[in-house]
Amino acid sequence: MYICLFKQLIVYYEKSTNLPVRQHLKFRRILRRIPFKDSAHMKNLKTADLARTLLGLLLVFVGSNKVFQFMPMPEMPLAASTFMGAIVSAGFLLPLMALLEVLSGALLIMNKYSLLSAIIILPITLTAMIFHLVLDPSNILFAGIAFSLNVIVLFNQKKKISTLVFN
C-alpha cells in the first residue's frame, strides 16, 4: 500500500516539475530505502500472510475448544484415550496447552511476534501430529493442517531464524 502511494507521489512530482525524480538527491536517498519487490515476492508474501492467519484462526479455535468444549471429542482408540486421560489428570497440561494455543493464535492473527509464537507452538503441533500418526490416525486432519501451516510460517521466516541461530 505504501509503495503504491509513494509511486503516485513520484508521478505527481515528475509532472509538476518536469524533471525526473531520480535526479534529485533527496529523492534518491528515499528511493534507496524503499524495497521495490517483484510480483513473485508479493505472491509469496500473500501466501505467507494467508498461512499465518489460517494457523492463528485454527489455534484459537482448537485452544478455545479445549476450554469451552463446544465441539464434541471424537471417538479414540484405547491407547489414545489413555494418553489423553493422563494429560487431563495431570491438571495443568491441558489448560496450559489451551492458553499457549489461544495466545499464539491471537499473536499470529495480529502479526505481532509471529516468529516467537510460531516457535512456541511448534512443539505442540509436532506432538499433536505424532500423537495422531501413532495412536489415532483417523482424526489427523486438524493436527496435519496445523503442523503444515506452522512449517510454512516458519519457512517463510527463515531469514530471521538464520540470524537468530547463527548470530
Protein backbone atom coordinates (compact mmCIF):
# COMPACT_ATOMS: atom_id res chain seq x y z
CA MET A 1 0.00 0.00 0.00
CA TYR A 2 2.75 2.44 0.94
CA ILE A 3 4.75 1.61 -2.16
CA CYS A 4 1.75 2.38 -4.41
CA LEU A 5 1.21 5.72 -2.64
CA PHE A 6 4.89 6.54 -2.98
CA LYS A 7 4.83 5.71 -6.68
CA GLN A 8 1.85 8.06 -7.12
CA LEU A 9 3.80 10.76 -5.28
CA ILE A 10 6.74 10.27 -7.66
CA VAL A 11 4.49 10.55 -10.72
CA TYR A 12 2.87 13.72 -9.34
CA TYR A 13 6.29 15.26 -8.59
CA GLU A 14 7.61 14.46 -12.05
CA LYS A 15 4.54 16.00 -13.71
CA SER A 16 4.68 19.18 -11.62
CA THR A 17 8.43 19.85 -12.01
CA ASN A 18 9.00 18.32 -15.47
CA LEU A 19 12.12 16.67 -14.05
CA PRO A 20 12.68 13.00 -13.27
CA VAL A 21 12.70 12.27 -9.57
CA ARG A 22 15.88 10.27 -9.68
CA GLN A 23 17.91 13.40 -10.48
CA HIS A 24 17.21 14.95 -7.10
CA LEU A 25 19.49 13.94 -4.25
CA LYS A 26 16.73 13.98 -1.63
CA PHE A 27 14.54 11.54 -3.54
CA ARG A 28 17.49 9.32 -4.39
CA ARG A 29 18.04 8.73 -0.67
CA ILE A 30 14.36 7.91 -0.19
CA LEU A 31 14.27 5.57 -3.20
CA ARG A 32 17.24 3.60 -1.88
CA ARG A 33 15.39 2.84 1.35
CA ILE A 34 12.19 1.53 -0.24
CA PRO A 35 12.32 -2.09 -1.39
CA PHE A 36 10.58 -2.40 -4.76
CA LYS A 37 9.58 -6.01 -4.80
CA ASP A 38 8.63 -8.02 -7.83
CA SER A 39 5.29 -9.74 -8.21
CA ALA A 40 6.66 -13.21 -7.32
CA HIS A 41 7.81 -11.93 -3.95
CA MET A 42 4.45 -10.26 -3.32
CA LYS A 43 2.65 -13.50 -4.19
CA ASN A 44 4.87 -15.38 -1.72
CA LEU A 45 4.15 -12.68 0.86
CA LYS A 46 0.40 -13.10 0.39
CA THR A 47 0.77 -16.88 0.78
CA ALA A 48 2.74 -16.38 3.97
CA ASP A 49 0.12 -14.00 5.35
CA LEU A 50 -2.66 -16.43 4.47
CA ALA A 51 -0.85 -19.35 6.13
CA ARG A 52 -0.10 -17.25 9.22
CA THR A 53 -3.71 -16.10 9.54
CA LEU A 54 -5.16 -19.57 8.97
CA LEU A 55 -2.79 -21.06 11.56
CA GLY A 56 -3.79 -18.36 14.03
CA LEU A 57 -7.51 -18.97 13.47
CA LEU A 58 -7.06 -22.73 13.79
CA LEU A 59 -5.07 -22.38 17.01
CA VAL A 60 -7.62 -20.04 18.57
CA PHE A 61 -10.42 -22.44 17.58
CA VAL A 62 -8.69 -25.58 18.90
CA GLY A 63 -7.41 -23.88 22.06
CA SER A 64 -10.80 -22.42 22.95
CA ASN A 65 -12.39 -25.81 22.23
CA LYS A 66 -10.16 -27.35 24.91
CA VAL A 67 -11.55 -24.90 27.46
CA PHE A 68 -15.20 -24.47 26.43
CA GLN A 69 -15.74 -27.84 24.68
CA PHE A 70 -18.21 -26.58 22.09
CA MET A 71 -17.19 -29.33 19.66
CA PRO A 72 -17.54 -32.92 20.91
CA MET A 73 -14.46 -35.09 21.22
CA PRO A 74 -14.33 -37.82 18.56
CA GLU A 75 -14.09 -41.49 19.42
CA MET A 76 -10.50 -42.55 20.07
CA PRO A 77 -8.79 -45.94 20.38
CA LEU A 78 -7.91 -47.21 23.85
CA ALA A 79 -4.24 -46.17 23.73
CA ALA A 80 -5.12 -42.65 22.60
CA SER A 81 -7.80 -42.22 25.26
CA THR A 82 -5.37 -43.46 27.92
CA PHE A 83 -2.78 -40.89 26.80
CA MET A 84 -5.37 -38.09 26.78
CA GLY A 85 -6.60 -39.23 30.19
CA ALA A 86 -3.06 -38.88 31.55
CA ILE A 87 -2.80 -35.34 30.15
CA VAL A 88 -6.17 -34.37 31.65
CA SER A 89 -5.40 -36.00 35.02
CA ALA A 90 -2.16 -34.02 35.31
CA GLY A 91 -4.39 -31.00 35.85
CA PHE A 92 -2.21 -28.28 34.37
CA LEU A 93 -1.12 -29.59 30.95
CA LEU A 94 -4.38 -29.23 29.05
CA PRO A 95 -5.13 -25.66 30.29
CA LEU A 96 -1.50 -24.70 29.60
CA MET A 97 -1.69 -26.08 26.06
CA ALA A 98 -5.00 -24.27 25.52
CA LEU A 99 -3.57 -20.99 26.81
CA LEU A 100 -0.48 -21.28 24.60
CA GLU A 101 -2.60 -22.12 21.57
CA VAL A 102 -5.00 -19.21 22.07
CA LEU A 103 -2.24 -16.67 22.81
CA SER A 104 -0.06 -17.84 19.93
CA GLY A 105 -3.06 -17.87 17.60
CA ALA A 106 -4.02 -14.34 18.58
CA LEU A 107 -0.45 -13.14 18.07
CA LEU A 108 -0.30 -14.81 14.67
CA ILE A 109 -3.60 -13.23 13.61
CA MET A 110 -2.42 -9.78 14.72
CA ASN A 111 1.03 -10.36 13.13
CA LYS A 112 2.76 -9.43 16.38
CA TYR A 113 5.70 -11.59 17.46
CA SER A 114 4.69 -14.10 14.80
CA LEU A 115 8.11 -15.79 14.74
CA LEU A 116 8.10 -16.22 18.52
CA SER A 117 4.57 -17.60 18.57
CA ALA A 118 5.31 -19.98 15.67
CA ILE A 119 8.37 -21.29 17.52
CA ILE A 120 6.43 -21.62 20.79
CA ILE A 121 3.59 -23.54 19.15
CA LEU A 122 5.86 -25.86 17.10
CA PRO A 123 6.34 -28.49 19.87
CA ILE A 124 2.58 -28.62 20.46
CA THR A 125 1.73 -29.08 16.77
CA LEU A 126 4.53 -31.62 16.37
CA THR A 127 3.29 -33.57 19.40
CA ALA A 128 -0.28 -33.48 18.08
CA MET A 129 0.93 -34.72 14.69
CA ILE A 130 2.92 -37.59 16.21
CA PHE A 131 0.04 -38.44 18.57
CA HIS A 132 -2.38 -38.76 15.67
CA LEU A 133 0.09 -40.60 13.45
CA VAL A 134 0.83 -43.23 16.09
CA LEU A 135 -2.27 -43.51 18.26
CA ASP A 136 -5.23 -42.06 16.37
CA PRO A 137 -4.70 -41.89 12.59
CA SER A 138 -8.40 -41.44 11.82
CA ASN A 139 -8.52 -37.93 13.35
CA ILE A 140 -5.32 -36.48 11.92
CA LEU A 141 -6.93 -33.66 9.90
CA PHE A 142 -6.57 -30.69 12.28
CA ALA A 143 -3.16 -31.78 13.53
CA GLY A 144 -1.85 -32.21 9.98
CA ILE A 145 -3.18 -28.84 8.86
CA ALA A 146 -1.79 -27.09 11.95
CA PHE A 147 1.64 -28.68 11.60
CA SER A 148 1.81 -27.94 7.86
CA LEU A 149 0.82 -24.30 8.36
CA ASN A 150 3.32 -23.97 11.19
CA VAL A 151 6.10 -25.27 8.95
CA ILE A 152 5.04 -22.85 6.19
CA VAL A 153 5.06 -19.90 8.60
CA LEU A 154 8.50 -20.86 9.91
CA PHE A 155 9.84 -21.46 6.39
CA ASN A 156 8.73 -18.00 5.28
CA GLN A 157 10.70 -16.50 8.15
CA LYS A 158 13.87 -18.50 7.54
CA LYS A 159 15.98 -15.36 7.18
CA LYS A 160 15.05 -14.22 10.71
CA ILE A 161 15.61 -17.73 12.05
CA SER A 162 19.07 -17.93 10.48
CA THR A 163 20.10 -14.60 12.04
CA LEU A 164 18.66 -15.79 15.36
CA VAL A 165 20.57 -19.08 15.28
CA PHE A 166 23.87 -18.10 13.66
CA ASN A 167 24.49 -14.72 15.35
